[in-house]
């Protein structure tokens, strides 16, 4: 799991705007797992900061990022 991988940082909630923008700008990839509702503001913020976005494959994410963007699917594995 990610918590035991020294290449992954699980930092918890970050609410300070400058720190949050810095995380988006400097991350290797932004995993976006929201699946309910419309386009999530955190996905738009990550996109605006230039983060490489890897969202869950749901219709509203493919509408925003397009079909060529990489996605991940939910699975038991």
N, C-alpha and C. Protein backbone atom coordinates (compact mmCIF):
# COMPACT_ATOMS: atom_id res chain seq x y z
N UNK A 1 0.82 -1.19 0.00
CA UNK A 1 0.00 0.00 0.00
C UNK A 1 0.87 1.25 0.00
N UNK A 2 0.28 2.35 -0.40
CA UNK A 2 1.01 3.60 -0.54
C UNK A 2 1.66 4.07 0.76
N UNK A 3 0.99 3.82 1.88
CA UNK A 3 1.52 4.27 3.16
C UNK A 3 2.88 3.66 3.48
N UNK A 4 3.18 2.51 2.89
CA UNK A 4 4.44 1.81 3.15
C UNK A 4 5.46 1.98 2.04
N UNK A 5 5.17 2.84 1.08
CA UNK A 5 6.07 3.07 -0.06
C UNK A 5 6.76 4.41 0.13
N UNK A 6 8.09 4.41 0.25
CA UNK A 6 8.81 5.66 0.49
C UNK A 6 8.78 6.61 -0.71
N UNK A 7 8.26 6.18 -1.85
CA UNK A 7 8.13 7.05 -3.02
C UNK A 7 6.80 7.79 -3.03
N UNK A 8 5.89 7.43 -2.12
CA UNK A 8 4.56 8.04 -2.06
C UNK A 8 4.44 8.82 -0.77
N UNK A 9 3.93 10.04 -0.87
CA UNK A 9 3.72 10.86 0.32
C UNK A 9 2.23 11.03 0.55
N UNK A 10 1.73 10.54 1.64
CA UNK A 10 0.34 10.74 2.05
C UNK A 10 0.36 11.84 3.10
N UNK A 11 0.02 13.05 2.68
CA UNK A 11 0.22 14.22 3.53
C UNK A 11 -1.02 14.64 4.32
N UNK A 12 -2.14 13.98 4.08
CA UNK A 12 -3.37 14.37 4.78
C UNK A 12 -3.96 15.63 4.18
N UNK A 13 -4.88 16.22 4.89
CA UNK A 13 -5.56 17.42 4.39
C UNK A 13 -4.61 18.62 4.33
N UNK A 14 -4.61 19.32 3.21
CA UNK A 14 -3.83 20.55 3.05
C UNK A 14 -4.82 21.63 2.62
N UNK A 15 -4.95 22.68 3.42
CA UNK A 15 -5.97 23.69 3.16
C UNK A 15 -5.39 25.07 2.89
N UNK A 16 -4.10 25.26 3.13
CA UNK A 16 -3.47 26.55 2.90
C UNK A 16 -3.23 26.68 1.39
N UNK A 17 -3.79 27.71 0.74
CA UNK A 17 -3.74 27.80 -0.73
C UNK A 17 -2.36 27.74 -1.35
N UNK A 18 -1.38 28.45 -0.80
CA UNK A 18 -0.04 28.43 -1.39
C UNK A 18 0.60 27.04 -1.29
N UNK A 19 0.44 26.40 -0.14
CA UNK A 19 0.99 25.05 0.02
C UNK A 19 0.30 24.07 -0.92
N UNK A 20 -1.01 24.18 -1.05
CA UNK A 20 -1.76 23.30 -1.93
C UNK A 20 -1.34 23.50 -3.38
N UNK A 21 -1.22 24.74 -3.81
CA UNK A 21 -0.78 25.01 -5.18
C UNK A 21 0.62 24.48 -5.42
N UNK A 22 1.50 24.59 -4.43
CA UNK A 22 2.85 24.05 -4.56
C UNK A 22 2.86 22.54 -4.71
N UNK A 23 1.98 21.87 -3.98
CA UNK A 23 1.89 20.41 -4.13
C UNK A 23 1.42 20.04 -5.52
N UNK A 24 0.41 20.73 -6.03
CA UNK A 24 -0.06 20.45 -7.39
C UNK A 24 1.04 20.70 -8.42
N UNK A 25 1.73 21.84 -8.29
CA UNK A 25 2.77 22.20 -9.27
C UNK A 25 3.94 21.23 -9.27
N UNK A 26 4.27 20.67 -8.12
CA UNK A 26 5.49 19.87 -7.99
C UNK A 26 5.27 18.37 -7.86
N UNK A 27 4.03 17.93 -7.97
CA UNK A 27 3.80 16.48 -7.85
C UNK A 27 4.17 15.79 -9.16
N UNK A 28 4.49 14.53 -9.04
CA UNK A 28 4.78 13.72 -10.22
C UNK A 28 3.48 13.43 -10.97
N UNK A 29 2.44 13.07 -10.22
CA UNK A 29 1.12 12.83 -10.80
C UNK A 29 0.07 13.08 -9.73
N UNK A 30 -1.05 13.66 -10.16
CA UNK A 30 -2.17 13.90 -9.26
C UNK A 30 -3.23 12.84 -9.50
N UNK A 31 -3.44 11.95 -8.52
CA UNK A 31 -4.47 10.91 -8.61
C UNK A 31 -5.78 11.51 -8.11
N UNK A 32 -6.78 11.49 -8.96
CA UNK A 32 -8.07 12.09 -8.63
C UNK A 32 -9.12 10.99 -8.61
N UNK A 33 -9.60 10.62 -7.42
CA UNK A 33 -10.49 9.46 -7.29
C UNK A 33 -11.94 9.83 -7.03
N UNK A 34 -12.29 11.10 -7.09
CA UNK A 34 -13.69 11.50 -6.90
C UNK A 34 -14.53 10.90 -8.02
N UNK A 35 -15.71 10.42 -7.67
CA UNK A 35 -16.55 9.82 -8.70
C UNK A 35 -18.00 10.28 -8.66
N UNK A 36 -18.36 11.13 -7.72
CA UNK A 36 -19.74 11.55 -7.57
C UNK A 36 -19.86 13.02 -7.96
N UNK A 37 -20.94 13.35 -8.64
CA UNK A 37 -21.20 14.74 -8.98
C UNK A 37 -20.57 15.14 -10.30
N UNK A 38 -20.44 16.41 -10.51
CA UNK A 38 -19.87 16.94 -11.74
C UNK A 38 -18.37 17.12 -11.62
N UNK A 39 -17.85 18.04 -12.38
CA UNK A 39 -16.42 18.30 -12.36
C UNK A 39 -16.02 18.86 -11.00
N UNK A 40 -15.05 18.25 -10.38
CA UNK A 40 -14.61 18.62 -9.05
C UNK A 40 -13.62 19.78 -9.11
N UNK A 41 -13.78 20.80 -8.24
CA UNK A 41 -12.86 21.93 -8.25
C UNK A 41 -11.40 21.55 -8.02
N UNK A 42 -11.15 20.48 -7.26
CA UNK A 42 -9.75 20.09 -7.03
C UNK A 42 -9.10 19.58 -8.32
N UNK A 43 -9.86 18.93 -9.19
CA UNK A 43 -9.33 18.51 -10.48
C UNK A 43 -9.00 19.73 -11.34
N UNK A 44 -9.89 20.70 -11.36
CA UNK A 44 -9.64 21.92 -12.13
C UNK A 44 -8.43 22.67 -11.59
N UNK A 45 -8.31 22.72 -10.28
CA UNK A 45 -7.16 23.41 -9.66
C UNK A 45 -5.85 22.71 -10.02
N UNK A 46 -5.84 21.38 -9.97
CA UNK A 46 -4.64 20.62 -10.34
C UNK A 46 -4.29 20.85 -11.81
N UNK A 47 -5.30 20.84 -12.67
CA UNK A 47 -5.07 21.10 -14.09
C UNK A 47 -4.49 22.50 -14.29
N UNK A 48 -5.06 23.48 -13.59
CA UNK A 48 -4.59 24.86 -13.70
C UNK A 48 -3.16 25.03 -13.24
N UNK A 49 -2.73 24.21 -12.29
CA UNK A 49 -1.36 24.29 -11.80
C UNK A 49 -0.39 23.51 -12.69
N UNK A 50 -0.92 22.82 -13.69
CA UNK A 50 -0.05 22.08 -14.61
C UNK A 50 0.28 20.68 -14.16
N UNK A 51 -0.47 20.15 -13.18
CA UNK A 51 -0.20 18.79 -12.70
C UNK A 51 -0.60 17.77 -13.75
N UNK A 52 0.15 16.68 -13.82
CA UNK A 52 -0.24 15.54 -14.65
C UNK A 52 -1.37 14.84 -13.90
N UNK A 53 -2.57 14.87 -14.47
CA UNK A 53 -3.75 14.36 -13.78
C UNK A 53 -4.08 12.94 -14.23
N UNK A 54 -4.23 12.06 -13.27
CA UNK A 54 -4.64 10.68 -13.52
C UNK A 54 -5.93 10.45 -12.73
N UNK A 55 -7.09 10.72 -13.36
CA UNK A 55 -8.35 10.58 -12.64
C UNK A 55 -8.99 9.21 -12.84
N UNK A 56 -9.94 8.94 -11.96
CA UNK A 56 -10.81 7.78 -12.11
C UNK A 56 -11.61 7.96 -13.39
N UNK A 57 -11.79 6.87 -14.15
CA UNK A 57 -12.54 6.96 -15.40
C UNK A 57 -14.04 7.05 -15.09
N UNK A 58 -14.57 8.27 -15.19
CA UNK A 58 -16.01 8.53 -15.09
C UNK A 58 -16.34 9.56 -16.17
N UNK A 59 -17.59 9.62 -16.61
CA UNK A 59 -17.93 10.48 -17.75
C UNK A 59 -17.53 11.94 -17.60
N UNK A 60 -17.73 12.54 -16.42
CA UNK A 60 -17.42 13.97 -16.31
C UNK A 60 -15.92 14.23 -16.32
N UNK A 61 -15.08 13.28 -15.95
CA UNK A 61 -13.63 13.50 -16.06
C UNK A 61 -13.18 13.40 -17.51
N UNK A 62 -13.75 12.45 -18.26
CA UNK A 62 -13.37 12.35 -19.67
C UNK A 62 -13.89 13.54 -20.47
N UNK A 63 -15.00 14.13 -20.04
CA UNK A 63 -15.49 15.34 -20.70
C UNK A 63 -14.53 16.51 -20.50
N UNK A 64 -13.92 16.59 -19.34
CA UNK A 64 -13.01 17.69 -19.03
C UNK A 64 -11.62 17.46 -19.62
N UNK A 65 -11.08 16.26 -19.47
CA UNK A 65 -9.70 15.98 -19.87
C UNK A 65 -9.57 15.37 -21.26
N UNK A 66 -10.67 14.88 -21.81
CA UNK A 66 -10.63 14.29 -23.14
C UNK A 66 -10.30 12.82 -23.11
N UNK A 67 -10.61 12.14 -24.20
CA UNK A 67 -10.43 10.68 -24.24
C UNK A 67 -8.97 10.23 -24.29
N UNK A 68 -8.06 11.09 -24.67
CA UNK A 68 -6.65 10.70 -24.79
C UNK A 68 -5.90 10.73 -23.46
N UNK A 69 -6.45 11.38 -22.45
CA UNK A 69 -5.80 11.44 -21.14
C UNK A 69 -5.79 10.04 -20.53
N UNK A 70 -4.76 9.68 -19.78
CA UNK A 70 -4.79 8.38 -19.08
C UNK A 70 -5.78 8.43 -17.92
N UNK A 71 -6.40 7.31 -17.63
CA UNK A 71 -7.36 7.17 -16.54
C UNK A 71 -7.09 5.87 -15.80
N UNK A 72 -7.66 5.74 -14.61
CA UNK A 72 -7.63 4.44 -13.95
C UNK A 72 -9.06 4.03 -13.66
N UNK A 73 -9.26 2.73 -13.52
CA UNK A 73 -10.57 2.16 -13.26
C UNK A 73 -10.60 1.55 -11.87
N UNK A 74 -11.77 1.58 -11.24
CA UNK A 74 -11.93 0.93 -9.95
C UNK A 74 -11.90 -0.57 -10.15
N UNK A 75 -11.28 -1.26 -9.21
CA UNK A 75 -11.29 -2.71 -9.24
C UNK A 75 -10.96 -3.22 -7.84
N UNK A 76 -11.29 -4.44 -7.61
CA UNK A 76 -10.98 -5.08 -6.32
C UNK A 76 -9.48 -5.26 -6.14
N UNK A 77 -8.73 -5.39 -7.24
CA UNK A 77 -7.28 -5.59 -7.15
C UNK A 77 -6.62 -4.32 -6.75
